[in-house]
Amino acid sequence: MRTEDLIRSLGEELRPVPRGAVARRIAIGMAGGAIVTLALVLCCLGMRPDMMSAMAGSPFWMKWGYTILLDLVAIAAVLHLSRPQAMRPRWLWLLWVPVGVLALLTGREMLIMPMDGWHQLWTGHSWRVCSMLVAMLSLPILAGLLWSFRQLAPTRLRLTGALAGLAAGACAATLYGLHCQESSALFILTWYSLGIAMVVALGALVGPKLLRW
């Protein structure tokens, strides 16, 4: 068979990818992991008993606003990087917006609180377990995202893995907020961010190995 005939025969077997197929696959992987994480939060940790009153206050939405905004930017970046030869998104600086807002709230919180109360703001009641729980709860979501990439074609593997870790970590932190009763901006900025950072590092580590195609 001549080269031209071979190319033509291969091209005849190609089918166009349905519109939105990439987004659907990533959504399925992330949603599947999130369902497992939510079940772990509800069954193993339990929902905070004052959920209704907590949702009426600003600290709860401060916490969720931080993690949800991180998650949205990370998911958008993951969708962008799932295509071959995708460049590093120029708008990744948007990740610093929720961090900066929470840092400003932390500064305001520390100005209001006397200095001898800063340690309590920082450690709360669960600093020893918070970061590790966020990281552990992220694993099913990270696994779902890595699974979704098995039929995609990322080329910036380490960055894609890191941002998948960020998306997983931020999503898990959001769900962990259903259990966690900490309300200090300083606590969230420190220990939630540390737990998320652990998963970012894990994603960057395994990305080149598990996302290769």
Foldseek 3Di string as FASTA:
>chain_A
DDPVVVVVVVVVPDDDDDPCPLVVLLCVLQVVLLVVLLCCCCVVQNFAPCVVVVVVDDLLVLLLVLLVQLLVLLSVQLSQQLAEPRDRDPPPCSNCVSLVVLVVQLVVVPVVDPPVCVVCLACPDQLVCQLVQLLVSLVSSLVSNLVSSVPTDGDVQLQSQLSSLLNSSSSSSNSNSRRDPRRRSNNSSPRSVNSSNVSSVVRSVCRVPSNHD
